[in-house]
Amino acid sequence: MALTKKMTPTEMVSFIDKELLPQTQEEIQNLIHPKKKQGGYFVVTRQILCMTDFLGAVYSGYPRSERKRDEKEKKERISTTKKAKRFIAAFFKPKSTYRRDTVNKLYDMYRHGLVHLYQPRTLQYKKGSLEWFVYKGKRYQAKMIVSTNKGEIIIKDVDHLKIIQFAPDKNRYHLAICIDALYDDFKQATIDYKNKLVQAKHLQSNWRATVDAICKPR
């Protein structure tokens, strides 16, 4: 089903159950299948963060004050990074993993980098740089062997959305993403949001205002 104006609560839930979650699963499941060792790293991360942009928009809504501002400035900001981060803060678990400072780094590095600049951005961190590191499998891995152009490197204590340091240059750090964990956390966050959406009238109003604006002819 497609997004339509003036959706009822039943239609909102049906869209999540029959469109958003199955589409995400279909596009991602094969890329993180345990038997598929390579590929999918950037695709999975990009897709999940783009879906989170949408969920952040319908969760926060598109109030009249924002619509008037956008009309005046001739810009359209239905979906924003701020709204996406608000959704993550509300629904992604565990909270100890998705702390505000970590989510800021996640979006600055992975979302904006992958969508606009092909690959994740490198950020300034401490006296050096914070770079990307994407892996598959278990969320926490006590030891990981990675092949590089300089041979194999052993990395210890790799954990989802934790900063690790393994490069010979002690000023180079990496923000690790486990795409299996990111997908599982996204899926559960979406289900938790859907369950809250059924009960909360203000969330239904936020959805309607946002989706009506999305469906408005340009």
N, C-alpha and C. Protein backbone atom coordinates (compact mmCIF):
# COMPACT_ATOMS: atom_id res chain seq x y z
N MET A 1 0.84 -1.19 0.00
CA MET A 1 0.00 0.00 0.00
C MET A 1 0.88 1.24 0.00
N ALA A 2 0.33 2.34 -0.50
CA ALA A 2 1.08 3.59 -0.56
C ALA A 2 0.60 4.53 0.54
N LEU A 3 1.42 5.55 0.81
CA LEU A 3 1.01 6.60 1.73
C LEU A 3 -0.12 7.40 1.08
N THR A 4 -1.14 7.72 1.84
CA THR A 4 -2.25 8.51 1.34
C THR A 4 -2.63 9.56 2.38
N LYS A 5 -3.37 10.56 1.95
CA LYS A 5 -3.82 11.61 2.86
C LYS A 5 -4.87 11.06 3.84
N LYS A 6 -4.92 11.70 5.02
CA LYS A 6 -5.94 11.42 6.04
C LYS A 6 -6.03 9.94 6.40
N MET A 7 -4.88 9.32 6.62
CA MET A 7 -4.85 7.90 6.96
C MET A 7 -5.45 7.65 8.33
N THR A 8 -6.19 6.57 8.46
CA THR A 8 -6.76 6.17 9.74
C THR A 8 -5.69 5.43 10.54
N PRO A 9 -5.87 5.29 11.88
CA PRO A 9 -4.90 4.52 12.67
C PRO A 9 -4.68 3.11 12.13
N THR A 10 -5.74 2.47 11.67
CA THR A 10 -5.62 1.12 11.10
C THR A 10 -4.74 1.13 9.86
N GLU A 11 -4.91 2.14 9.03
CA GLU A 11 -4.10 2.26 7.81
C GLU A 11 -2.64 2.56 8.15
N MET A 12 -2.40 3.35 9.19
CA MET A 12 -1.03 3.65 9.61
C MET A 12 -0.31 2.38 10.04
N VAL A 13 -0.98 1.59 10.87
CA VAL A 13 -0.39 0.34 11.35
C VAL A 13 -0.20 -0.64 10.20
N SER A 14 -1.17 -0.68 9.31
CA SER A 14 -1.08 -1.59 8.16
C SER A 14 0.09 -1.21 7.27
N PHE A 15 0.34 0.09 7.11
CA PHE A 15 1.47 0.54 6.30
C PHE A 15 2.79 0.06 6.91
N ILE A 16 2.91 0.17 8.22
CA ILE A 16 4.13 -0.29 8.89
C ILE A 16 4.29 -1.80 8.75
N ASP A 17 3.18 -2.53 8.99
CA ASP A 17 3.24 -4.00 8.98
C ASP A 17 3.39 -4.59 7.59
N LYS A 18 2.72 -3.98 6.60
CA LYS A 18 2.66 -4.59 5.28
C LYS A 18 3.55 -3.92 4.24
N GLU A 19 4.08 -2.76 4.57
CA GLU A 19 4.91 -2.05 3.60
C GLU A 19 6.31 -1.77 4.15
N LEU A 20 6.39 -0.98 5.23
CA LEU A 20 7.69 -0.52 5.70
C LEU A 20 8.58 -1.67 6.20
N LEU A 21 8.06 -2.46 7.11
CA LEU A 21 8.89 -3.55 7.66
C LEU A 21 9.20 -4.63 6.62
N PRO A 22 8.23 -5.10 5.82
CA PRO A 22 8.56 -6.09 4.78
C PRO A 22 9.54 -5.55 3.73
N GLN A 23 9.38 -4.28 3.36
CA GLN A 23 10.30 -3.69 2.38
C GLN A 23 11.71 -3.65 2.94
N THR A 24 11.83 -3.22 4.19
CA THR A 24 13.15 -3.17 4.82
C THR A 24 13.75 -4.57 4.90
N GLN A 25 12.93 -5.54 5.30
CA GLN A 25 13.43 -6.91 5.42
C GLN A 25 13.86 -7.45 4.06
N GLU A 26 13.05 -7.23 3.05
CA GLU A 26 13.37 -7.75 1.71
C GLU A 26 14.66 -7.15 1.16
N GLU A 27 14.87 -5.85 1.42
CA GLU A 27 16.05 -5.18 0.88
C GLU A 27 17.30 -5.46 1.70
N ILE A 28 17.13 -5.89 2.94
CA ILE A 28 18.28 -6.02 3.84
C ILE A 28 18.61 -7.47 4.19
N GLN A 29 17.59 -8.32 4.34
CA GLN A 29 17.80 -9.66 4.87
C GLN A 29 18.90 -10.42 4.13
N ASN A 30 18.87 -10.41 2.80
CA ASN A 30 19.87 -11.15 2.03
C ASN A 30 21.28 -10.60 2.20
N LEU A 31 21.37 -9.31 2.53
CA LEU A 31 22.69 -8.69 2.66
C LEU A 31 23.36 -9.00 3.99
N ILE A 32 22.55 -9.40 4.99
CA ILE A 32 23.16 -9.70 6.29
C ILE A 32 23.02 -11.18 6.64
N HIS A 33 22.64 -11.97 5.64
CA HIS A 33 22.52 -13.41 5.87
C HIS A 33 23.88 -13.95 6.29
N PRO A 34 23.93 -14.80 7.33
CA PRO A 34 25.22 -15.32 7.84
C PRO A 34 26.11 -15.97 6.79
N LYS A 35 25.50 -16.58 5.74
CA LYS A 35 26.30 -17.26 4.72
C LYS A 35 26.90 -16.29 3.71
N LYS A 36 26.41 -15.07 3.71
CA LYS A 36 26.93 -14.07 2.76
C LYS A 36 27.97 -13.24 3.50
N LYS A 37 29.23 -13.54 3.28
CA LYS A 37 30.30 -12.94 4.07
C LYS A 37 30.62 -11.51 3.67
N GLN A 38 30.46 -11.19 2.38
CA GLN A 38 30.86 -9.87 1.90
C GLN A 38 29.66 -9.07 1.44
N GLY A 39 29.85 -7.79 1.35
CA GLY A 39 28.86 -6.90 0.75
C GLY A 39 27.74 -6.48 1.68
N GLY A 40 27.06 -5.42 1.27
CA GLY A 40 25.88 -4.98 2.00
C GLY A 40 26.13 -3.98 3.10
N TYR A 41 27.38 -3.72 3.43
CA TYR A 41 27.69 -2.88 4.58
C TYR A 41 27.09 -1.48 4.45
N PHE A 42 27.41 -0.81 3.36
CA PHE A 42 26.92 0.55 3.17
C PHE A 42 25.43 0.56 2.84
N VAL A 43 24.97 -0.41 2.05
CA VAL A 43 23.57 -0.44 1.63
C VAL A 43 22.64 -0.57 2.84
N VAL A 44 22.97 -1.48 3.73
CA VAL A 44 22.14 -1.70 4.92
C VAL A 44 22.10 -0.46 5.79
N THR A 45 23.27 0.11 6.06
CA THR A 45 23.34 1.29 6.92
C THR A 45 22.57 2.46 6.29
N ARG A 46 22.78 2.68 5.00
CA ARG A 46 22.10 3.78 4.31
C ARG A 46 20.58 3.60 4.35
N GLN A 47 20.12 2.39 4.06
CA GLN A 47 18.68 2.13 4.00
C GLN A 47 18.03 2.32 5.36
N ILE A 48 18.65 1.80 6.40
CA ILE A 48 18.07 1.92 7.74
C ILE A 48 18.00 3.37 8.18
N LEU A 49 19.05 4.13 7.95
CA LEU A 49 19.05 5.52 8.37
C LEU A 49 18.07 6.36 7.56
N CYS A 50 17.87 6.02 6.28
CA CYS A 50 16.86 6.72 5.49
C CYS A 50 15.46 6.39 5.99
N MET A 51 15.20 5.14 6.34
CA MET A 51 13.92 4.75 6.92
C MET A 51 13.70 5.47 8.26
N THR A 52 14.78 5.63 9.01
CA THR A 52 14.68 6.34 10.29
C THR A 52 14.34 7.80 10.08
N ASP A 53 14.81 8.38 8.98
CA ASP A 53 14.42 9.76 8.64
C ASP A 53 12.90 9.85 8.49
N PHE A 54 12.30 8.89 7.78
CA PHE A 54 10.85 8.89 7.60
C PHE A 54 10.13 8.72 8.94
N LEU A 55 10.56 7.75 9.73
CA LEU A 55 9.91 7.50 11.01
C LEU A 55 10.06 8.68 11.96
N GLY A 56 11.20 9.33 11.90
CA GLY A 56 11.39 10.53 12.71
C GLY A 56 10.43 11.63 12.31
N ALA A 57 10.15 11.73 11.02
CA ALA A 57 9.24 12.76 10.51
C ALA A 57 7.81 12.49 10.97
N VAL A 58 7.32 11.26 10.83
CA VAL A 58 5.94 10.98 11.23
C VAL A 58 5.80 10.97 12.75
N TYR A 59 6.86 10.63 13.45
CA TYR A 59 6.81 10.64 14.92
C TYR A 59 6.73 12.08 15.45
N SER A 60 7.53 12.96 14.91
CA SER A 60 7.56 14.35 15.38
C SER A 60 6.44 15.19 14.80
N GLY A 61 6.00 14.85 13.60
CA GLY A 61 4.94 15.60 12.96
C GLY A 61 5.47 16.78 12.15
N TYR A 62 4.53 17.46 11.50
CA TYR A 62 4.86 18.62 10.68
C TYR A 62 3.84 19.71 11.02
N PRO A 63 4.03 20.36 12.17
CA PRO A 63 3.03 21.31 12.68
C PRO A 63 2.89 22.55 11.80
N ARG A 64 1.82 23.26 12.04
CA ARG A 64 1.50 24.46 11.25
C ARG A 64 2.64 25.47 11.29
N SER A 65 3.29 25.63 12.46
CA SER A 65 4.39 26.60 12.58
C SER A 65 5.53 26.26 11.63
N GLU A 66 5.83 24.97 11.47
CA GLU A 66 6.89 24.55 10.54
C GLU A 66 6.45 24.74 9.10
N ARG A 67 5.19 24.44 8.81
CA ARG A 67 4.69 24.60 7.44
C ARG A 67 4.72 26.07 7.02
N LYS A 68 4.31 26.97 7.92
CA LYS A 68 4.32 28.40 7.61
C LYS A 68 5.73 28.91 7.40
N ARG A 69 6.65 28.43 8.25
CA ARG A 69 8.06 28.82 8.10
C ARG A 69 8.61 28.37 6.76
N ASP A 70 8.32 27.13 6.39
CA ASP A 70 8.83 26.58 5.14
C ASP A 70 8.23 27.28 3.92
N GLU A 71 6.93 27.63 4.03
CA GLU A 71 6.30 28.37 2.93
C GLU A 71 6.94 29.74 2.76
N LYS A 72 7.22 30.39 3.88
CA LYS A 72 7.83 31.72 3.84
C LYS A 72 9.23 31.67 3.26
N GLU A 73 10.00 30.66 3.65
CA GLU A 73 11.39 30.54 3.21
C GLU A 73 11.52 29.75 1.91
N LYS A 74 10.39 29.27 1.40
CA LYS A 74 10.36 28.48 0.16
C LYS A 74 11.29 27.27 0.23
N LYS A 75 11.21 26.61 1.39
CA LYS A 75 11.95 25.38 1.62
C LYS A 75 10.99 24.35 2.17
N GLU A 76 11.37 23.09 2.07
CA GLU A 76 10.54 22.03 2.61
C GLU A 76 11.38 21.14 3.51
N ARG A 77 11.05 21.18 4.80
CA ARG A 77 11.83 20.41 5.77
C ARG A 77 10.92 19.50 6.58
N ILE A 78 10.19 18.65 5.85
CA ILE A 78 9.30 17.71 6.51
C ILE A 78 10.11 16.73 7.36
N SER A 79 11.18 16.24 6.77
CA SER A 79 12.09 15.32 7.45
C SER A 79 13.39 16.05 7.78
N THR A 80 13.84 15.93 9.01
CA THR A 80 15.09 16.58 9.43
C THR A 80 15.93 15.62 10.26
N THR A 81 17.20 15.92 10.33
CA THR A 81 18.10 15.11 11.17
C THR A 81 17.67 15.17 12.62
N LYS A 82 17.22 16.33 13.06
CA LYS A 82 16.78 16.50 14.45
C LYS A 82 15.63 15.56 14.78
N LYS A 83 14.69 15.42 13.86
CA LYS A 83 13.54 14.53 14.07
C LYS A 83 13.98 13.07 14.09
N ALA A 84 14.89 12.72 13.20
CA ALA A 84 15.39 11.34 13.17
C ALA A 84 16.10 10.99 14.48
N LYS A 85 16.91 11.90 14.97
CA LYS A 85 17.61 11.67 16.24
C LYS A 85 16.62 11.55 17.39
N ARG A 86 15.54 12.33 17.32
CA ARG A 86 14.51 12.26 18.36
C ARG A 86 13.84 10.89 18.37
N PHE A 87 13.61 10.33 17.17
CA PHE A 87 13.03 8.99 17.09
C PHE A 87 13.98 7.94 17.67
N ILE A 88 15.25 8.05 17.33
CA ILE A 88 16.24 7.10 17.87
C ILE A 88 16.29 7.18 19.38
N ALA A 89 16.30 8.40 19.92
CA ALA A 89 16.35 8.59 21.37
C ALA A 89 15.14 7.97 22.06
N ALA A 90 13.99 8.02 21.38
CA ALA A 90 12.75 7.53 21.98
C ALA A 90 12.60 6.01 21.89
N PHE A 91 13.11 5.41 20.81
CA PHE A 91 12.74 4.02 20.55
C PHE A 91 13.90 3.03 20.38
N PHE A 92 15.08 3.49 20.02
CA PHE A 92 16.18 2.54 19.82
C PHE A 92 16.74 2.08 21.18
N LYS A 93 16.99 0.80 21.28
CA LYS A 93 17.54 0.21 22.51
C LYS A 93 18.70 -0.71 22.15
N PRO A 94 19.63 -0.90 23.09
CA PRO A 94 19.66 -0.37 24.46
C PRO A 94 20.06 1.10 24.51
N LYS A 95 19.53 1.80 25.50
CA LYS A 95 19.80 3.23 25.63
C LYS A 95 21.28 3.51 25.85
N SER A 96 21.97 2.56 26.48
CA SER A 96 23.41 2.75 26.74
C SER A 96 24.22 2.75 25.45
N THR A 97 23.68 2.14 24.39
CA THR A 97 24.34 2.13 23.08
C THR A 97 24.01 3.39 22.31
N TYR A 98 22.74 3.77 22.32
CA TYR A 98 22.28 4.91 21.52
C TYR A 98 22.23 6.19 22.36
N ARG A 99 23.36 6.54 22.92
CA ARG A 99 23.48 7.80 23.66
C ARG A 99 23.51 8.96 22.68
N ARG A 100 23.19 10.16 23.18
CA ARG A 100 23.10 11.33 22.29
C ARG A 100 24.39 11.57 21.54
N ASP A 101 25.53 11.54 22.24
CA ASP A 101 26.80 11.84 21.58
C ASP A 101 27.13 10.79 20.52
N THR A 102 26.75 9.54 20.78
CA THR A 102 27.00 8.47 19.81
C THR A 102 26.10 8.63 18.59
N VAL A 103 24.83 8.96 18.81
CA VAL A 103 23.90 9.15 17.70
C VAL A 103 24.32 10.34 16.84
N ASN A 104 24.83 11.39 17.46
CA ASN A 104 25.34 12.53 16.70
C ASN A 104 26.46 12.09 15.76
N LYS A 105 27.38 11.28 16.27
CA LYS A 105 28.49 10.77 15.45
C LYS A 105 27.96 9.85 14.36
N LEU A 106 27.00 9.00 14.71
CA LEU A 106 26.41 8.07 13.75
C LEU A 106 25.83 8.82 12.56
N TYR A 107 25.07 9.87 12.83
CA TYR A 107 24.43 10.62 11.73
C TYR A 107 25.44 11.45 10.95
N ASP A 108 26.34 12.12 11.65
CA ASP A 108 27.33 12.94 10.95
C ASP A 108 28.23 12.09 10.05
N MET A 109 28.61 10.92 10.54
CA MET A 109 29.54 10.07 9.79
C MET A 109 28.84 9.22 8.74
N TYR A 110 27.86 8.46 9.16
CA TYR A 110 27.28 7.44 8.30
C TYR A 110 26.10 7.93 7.46
N ARG A 111 25.13 8.60 8.09
CA ARG A 111 23.95 9.00 7.32
C ARG A 111 24.31 10.06 6.29
N HIS A 112 24.87 11.18 6.73
CA HIS A 112 25.17 12.26 5.79
C HIS A 112 26.28 11.87 4.82
N GLY A 113 27.23 11.09 5.28
CA GLY A 113 28.29 10.65 4.40
C GLY A 113 27.79 9.71 3.32
N LEU A 114 27.03 8.68 3.72
CA LEU A 114 26.59 7.67 2.75
C LEU A 114 25.56 8.20 1.77
N VAL A 115 24.66 9.07 2.22
CA VAL A 115 23.61 9.57 1.33
C VAL A 115 24.15 10.63 0.38
N HIS A 116 25.01 11.49 0.87
CA HIS A 116 25.46 12.63 0.05
C HIS A 116 26.87 12.48 -0.52
N LEU A 117 27.70 11.68 0.13
CA LEU A 117 29.13 11.69 -0.23
C LEU A 117 29.69 10.31 -0.55
N TYR A 118 28.82 9.34 -0.84
CA TYR A 118 29.17 7.98 -1.23
C TYR A 118 29.67 7.12 -0.07
N GLN A 119 30.59 7.61 0.73
CA GLN A 119 31.11 6.81 1.83
C GLN A 119 31.03 7.62 3.12
N PRO A 120 31.14 6.95 4.28
CA PRO A 120 31.05 7.66 5.55
C PRO A 120 32.11 8.75 5.68
N ARG A 121 31.74 9.81 6.37
CA ARG A 121 32.66 10.90 6.61
C ARG A 121 33.70 10.51 7.65
N THR A 122 34.83 11.18 7.60
CA THR A 122 35.82 11.11 8.68
C THR A 122 35.62 12.34 9.55
N LEU A 123 35.53 12.12 10.86
CA LEU A 123 35.28 13.21 11.79
C LEU A 123 36.53 13.53 12.60
N GLN A 124 36.60 14.71 13.11
CA GLN A 124 37.67 15.06 14.04
C GLN A 124 37.35 14.44 15.40
N TYR A 125 38.34 13.87 16.03
CA TYR A 125 38.11 13.20 17.32
C TYR A 125 39.38 13.29 18.15
N LYS A 126 39.25 13.84 19.36
CA LYS A 126 40.40 14.05 20.24
C LYS A 126 41.48 14.81 19.46
N LYS A 127 42.68 14.26 19.39
CA LYS A 127 43.76 14.92 18.64
C LYS A 127 43.95 14.32 17.25
N GLY A 128 43.00 13.48 16.86
CA GLY A 128 43.16 12.82 15.57
C GLY A 128 41.85 12.72 14.82
N SER A 129 41.57 11.54 14.25
CA SER A 129 40.39 11.36 13.39
C SER A 129 39.56 10.18 13.86
N LEU A 130 38.26 10.24 13.54
CA LEU A 130 37.33 9.15 13.80
C LEU A 130 36.82 8.67 12.45
N GLU A 131 37.11 7.40 12.12
CA GLU A 131 36.79 6.85 10.81
C GLU A 131 35.75 5.73 10.95
N TRP A 132 35.31 5.22 9.81
CA TRP A 132 34.25 4.20 9.83
C TRP A 132 34.82 2.79 9.89
N PHE A 133 34.01 1.90 10.46
CA PHE A 133 34.35 0.48 10.51
C PHE A 133 33.03 -0.29 10.59
N VAL A 134 32.72 -1.07 9.55
CA VAL A 134 31.44 -1.78 9.48
C VAL A 134 31.70 -3.28 9.45
N TYR A 135 30.88 -4.04 10.21
CA TYR A 135 31.10 -5.48 10.26
C TYR A 135 29.76 -6.21 10.37
N LYS A 136 29.81 -7.52 10.12
CA LYS A 136 28.63 -8.38 10.21
C LYS A 136 28.79 -9.36 11.38
N GLY A 137 27.67 -10.00 11.72
CA GLY A 137 27.73 -11.05 12.72
C GLY A 137 27.22 -10.59 14.08
N LYS A 138 27.83 -11.14 15.12
CA LYS A 138 27.40 -10.83 16.48
C LYS A 138 27.70 -9.38 16.83
N ARG A 139 26.86 -8.83 17.67
CA ARG A 139 27.00 -7.44 18.12
C ARG A 139 28.35 -7.21 18.79
N TYR A 140 28.72 -8.11 19.70
CA TYR A 140 30.02 -8.01 20.37
C TYR A 140 30.91 -9.16 19.93
N GLN A 141 32.13 -8.83 19.56
CA GLN A 141 33.09 -9.86 19.18
C GLN A 141 34.41 -9.59 19.92
N ALA A 142 34.80 -10.57 20.72
CA ALA A 142 36.00 -10.43 21.54
C ALA A 142 37.25 -10.30 20.68
N LYS A 143 37.25 -10.98 19.53
CA LYS A 143 38.40 -10.91 18.63
C LYS A 143 37.92 -11.00 17.19
N MET A 144 38.48 -10.15 16.34
CA MET A 144 38.12 -10.14 14.93
C MET A 144 39.40 -10.03 14.11
N ILE A 145 39.49 -10.83 13.06
CA ILE A 145 40.65 -10.77 12.16
C ILE A 145 40.22 -10.10 10.87
N VAL A 146 40.87 -9.01 10.53
CA VAL A 146 40.52 -8.23 9.35
C VAL A 146 41.68 -8.21 8.37
N SER A 147 41.38 -8.47 7.10
CA SER A 147 42.41 -8.42 6.07
C SER A 147 42.56 -7.00 5.54
N THR A 148 43.79 -6.54 5.46
CA THR A 148 44.07 -5.22 4.91
C THR A 148 45.15 -5.35 3.84
N ASN A 149 45.46 -4.24 3.18
CA ASN A 149 46.51 -4.29 2.15
C ASN A 149 47.90 -4.45 2.77
N LYS A 150 47.94 -4.40 4.10
CA LYS A 150 49.21 -4.60 4.80
C LYS A 150 49.21 -5.91 5.60
N GLY A 151 48.26 -6.79 5.24
CA GLY A 151 48.17 -8.06 5.93
C GLY A 151 47.00 -8.10 6.90
N GLU A 152 46.94 -9.16 7.69
CA GLU A 152 45.84 -9.33 8.62
C GLU A 152 46.08 -8.56 9.92
N ILE A 153 45.00 -7.99 10.46
CA ILE A 153 45.05 -7.26 11.72
C ILE A 153 44.07 -7.91 12.69
N ILE A 154 44.50 -8.11 13.92
CA ILE A 154 43.62 -8.64 14.96
C ILE A 154 43.06 -7.46 15.76
N ILE A 155 41.73 -7.39 15.82
CA ILE A 155 41.05 -6.33 16.57
C ILE A 155 40.32 -6.97 17.75
N LYS A 156 40.49 -6.42 18.91
CA LYS A 156 39.85 -6.97 20.11
C LYS A 156 38.73 -6.07 20.61
N ASP A 157 37.76 -6.71 21.25
CA ASP A 157 36.64 -6.00 21.89
C ASP A 157 35.90 -5.07 20.92
N VAL A 158 35.41 -5.66 19.84
CA VAL A 158 34.63 -4.89 18.86
C VAL A 158 33.16 -4.94 19.28
N ASP A 159 32.54 -3.79 19.39
CA ASP A 159 31.15 -3.73 19.85
C ASP A 159 30.39 -2.68 19.04
N HIS A 160 29.11 -2.94 18.83
CA HIS A 160 28.26 -2.07 18.03
C HIS A 160 28.21 -0.64 18.58
N LEU A 161 28.54 0.33 17.73
CA LEU A 161 28.53 1.76 18.03
C LEU A 161 29.48 2.15 19.15
N LYS A 162 30.53 1.36 19.30
CA LYS A 162 31.59 1.72 20.24
C LYS A 162 32.81 2.19 19.44
N ILE A 163 33.56 3.10 20.01
CA ILE A 163 34.78 3.59 19.36
C ILE A 163 35.92 2.64 19.68
N ILE A 164 36.60 2.20 18.64
CA ILE A 164 37.72 1.27 18.82
C ILE A 164 38.99 1.89 18.24
N GLN A 165 40.12 1.38 18.69
CA GLN A 165 41.41 1.88 18.22
C GLN A 165 42.30 0.68 17.93
N PHE A 166 42.67 0.52 16.66
CA PHE A 166 43.52 -0.62 16.29
C PHE A 166 44.61 -0.24 15.31
N ALA A 167 44.57 0.96 14.79
CA ALA A 167 45.56 1.38 13.79
C ALA A 167 46.90 1.66 14.46
N PRO A 168 48.00 1.45 13.74
CA PRO A 168 49.32 1.79 14.29
C PRO A 168 49.40 3.25 14.72
N ASP A 169 48.70 4.11 13.97
CA ASP A 169 48.63 5.53 14.34
C ASP A 169 47.64 5.67 15.49
N LYS A 170 48.13 5.99 16.67
CA LYS A 170 47.30 6.05 17.87
C LYS A 170 46.30 7.20 17.86
N ASN A 171 46.38 8.07 16.87
CA ASN A 171 45.42 9.16 16.76
C ASN A 171 44.28 8.84 15.79
N ARG A 172 44.27 7.61 15.28
CA ARG A 172 43.19 7.16 14.40
C ARG A 172 42.25 6.25 15.17
N TYR A 173 40.97 6.62 15.21
CA TYR A 173 39.95 5.84 15.90
C TYR A 173 38.88 5.44 14.88
N HIS A 174 38.04 4.47 15.27
CA HIS A 174 36.98 4.01 14.37
C HIS A 174 35.68 3.85 15.16
N LEU A 175 34.58 4.31 14.55
CA LEU A 175 33.25 4.09 15.11
C LEU A 175 32.66 2.87 14.42
N ALA A 176 32.51 1.80 15.17
CA ALA A 176 32.11 0.51 14.60
C ALA A 176 30.59 0.39 14.52
N ILE A 177 30.11 -0.15 13.39
CA ILE A 177 28.68 -0.47 13.23
C ILE A 177 28.55 -1.94 12.86
N CYS A 178 27.78 -2.66 13.64
CA CYS A 178 27.40 -4.03 13.29
C CYS A 178 26.06 -3.93 12.56
N ILE A 179 26.04 -4.26 11.27
CA ILE A 179 24.81 -4.06 10.50
C ILE A 179 23.70 -5.02 10.94
N ASP A 180 24.05 -6.19 11.46
CA ASP A 180 23.04 -7.10 12.00
C ASP A 180 22.36 -6.46 13.20
N ALA A 181 23.16 -5.89 14.10
CA ALA A 181 22.61 -5.25 15.31
C ALA A 181 21.80 -4.02 14.95
N LEU A 182 22.29 -3.23 14.00
CA LEU A 182 21.57 -2.02 13.59
C LEU A 182 20.20 -2.40 13.03
N TYR A 183 20.14 -3.43 12.22
CA TYR A 183 18.87 -3.88 11.65
C TYR A 183 17.93 -4.38 12.74
N ASP A 184 18.43 -5.21 13.65
CA ASP A 184 17.60 -5.74 14.74
C ASP A 184 17.05 -4.61 15.61
N ASP A 185 17.90 -3.64 15.92
CA ASP A 185 17.49 -2.53 16.77
C ASP A 185 16.47 -1.64 16.06
N PHE A 186 16.67 -1.43 14.76
CA PHE A 186 15.72 -0.65 13.96
C PHE A 186 14.36 -1.35 13.91
N LYS A 187 14.38 -2.63 13.66
CA LYS A 187 13.13 -3.39 13.55
C LYS A 187 12.35 -3.33 14.86
N GLN A 188 13.02 -3.54 15.99
CA GLN A 188 12.35 -3.50 17.28
C GLN A 188 11.84 -2.09 17.60
N ALA A 189 12.63 -1.07 17.25
CA ALA A 189 12.22 0.32 17.47
C ALA A 189 10.95 0.63 16.67
N THR A 190 10.88 0.14 15.44
CA THR A 190 9.71 0.37 14.59
C THR A 190 8.48 -0.30 15.18
N ILE A 191 8.63 -1.51 15.68
CA ILE A 191 7.51 -2.22 16.31
C ILE A 191 7.05 -1.49 17.57
N ASP A 192 8.00 -1.03 18.38
CA ASP A 192 7.65 -0.30 19.61
C ASP A 192 6.91 0.99 19.27
N TYR A 193 7.36 1.69 18.22
CA TYR A 193 6.68 2.91 17.78
C TYR A 193 5.26 2.59 17.30
N LYS A 194 5.12 1.53 16.51
CA LYS A 194 3.81 1.14 16.01
C LYS A 194 2.84 0.86 17.16
N ASN A 195 3.32 0.16 18.17
CA ASN A 195 2.47 -0.16 19.32
C ASN A 195 2.03 1.10 20.06
N LYS A 196 2.91 2.08 20.13
CA LYS A 196 2.57 3.33 20.79
C LYS A 196 1.64 4.17 19.92
N LEU A 197 1.83 4.08 18.60
CA LEU A 197 1.01 4.82 17.65
C LEU A 197 -0.46 4.42 17.77
N VAL A 198 -0.73 3.15 18.01
CA VAL A 198 -2.10 2.65 18.14
C VAL A 198 -2.82 3.32 19.30
N GLN A 199 -2.08 3.63 20.36
CA GLN A 199 -2.68 4.15 21.59
C GLN A 199 -2.72 5.67 21.66
N ALA A 200 -1.79 6.35 21.00
CA ALA A 200 -1.60 7.79 21.21
C ALA A 200 -2.20 8.62 20.09
N LYS A 201 -3.22 9.40 20.43
CA LYS A 201 -3.89 10.24 19.44
C LYS A 201 -2.94 11.29 18.85
N HIS A 202 -2.05 11.84 19.69
CA HIS A 202 -1.17 12.90 19.19
C HIS A 202 -0.17 12.35 18.18
N LEU A 203 0.23 11.08 18.33
CA LEU A 203 1.12 10.47 17.35
C LEU A 203 0.38 10.22 16.04
N GLN A 204 -0.89 9.87 16.13
CA GLN A 204 -1.69 9.69 14.92
C GLN A 204 -1.86 11.03 14.19
N SER A 205 -2.05 12.11 14.96
CA SER A 205 -2.16 13.44 14.36
C SER A 205 -0.85 13.85 13.70
N ASN A 206 0.27 13.53 14.37
CA ASN A 206 1.58 13.84 13.79
C ASN A 206 1.80 13.09 12.48
N TRP A 207 1.44 11.82 12.47
CA TRP A 207 1.55 11.01 11.24
C TRP A 207 0.74 11.65 10.12
N ARG A 208 -0.53 11.98 10.41
CA ARG A 208 -1.43 12.52 9.41
C ARG A 208 -0.89 13.82 8.82
N ALA A 209 -0.44 14.73 9.69
CA ALA A 209 0.07 16.02 9.22
C ALA A 209 1.29 15.84 8.33
N THR A 210 2.15 14.91 8.71
CA THR A 210 3.38 14.66 7.95
C THR A 210 3.07 14.02 6.60
N VAL A 211 2.30 12.95 6.62
CA VAL A 211 1.99 12.21 5.39
C VAL A 211 1.13 13.05 4.45
N ASP A 212 0.22 13.85 4.99
CA ASP A 212 -0.57 14.74 4.12
C ASP A 212 0.35 15.70 3.38
N ALA A 213 1.38 16.19 4.08
CA ALA A 213 2.35 17.11 3.44
C ALA A 213 3.18 16.37 2.40
N ILE A 214 3.53 15.12 2.68
CA ILE A 214 4.29 14.31 1.71
C ILE A 214 3.47 14.09 0.43
N CYS A 215 2.18 13.87 0.61
CA CYS A 215 1.31 13.54 -0.53
C CYS A 215 0.82 14.78 -1.29
N LYS A 216 1.09 15.95 -0.75
CA LYS A 216 0.63 17.19 -1.39
C LYS A 216 1.34 17.38 -2.72
N PRO A 217 0.58 17.68 -3.80
CA PRO A 217 1.21 17.91 -5.11
C PRO A 217 2.18 19.08 -5.05
N ARG A 218 3.30 18.97 -5.76
CA ARG A 218 4.29 20.05 -5.78
C ARG A 218 4.22 20.78 -7.11
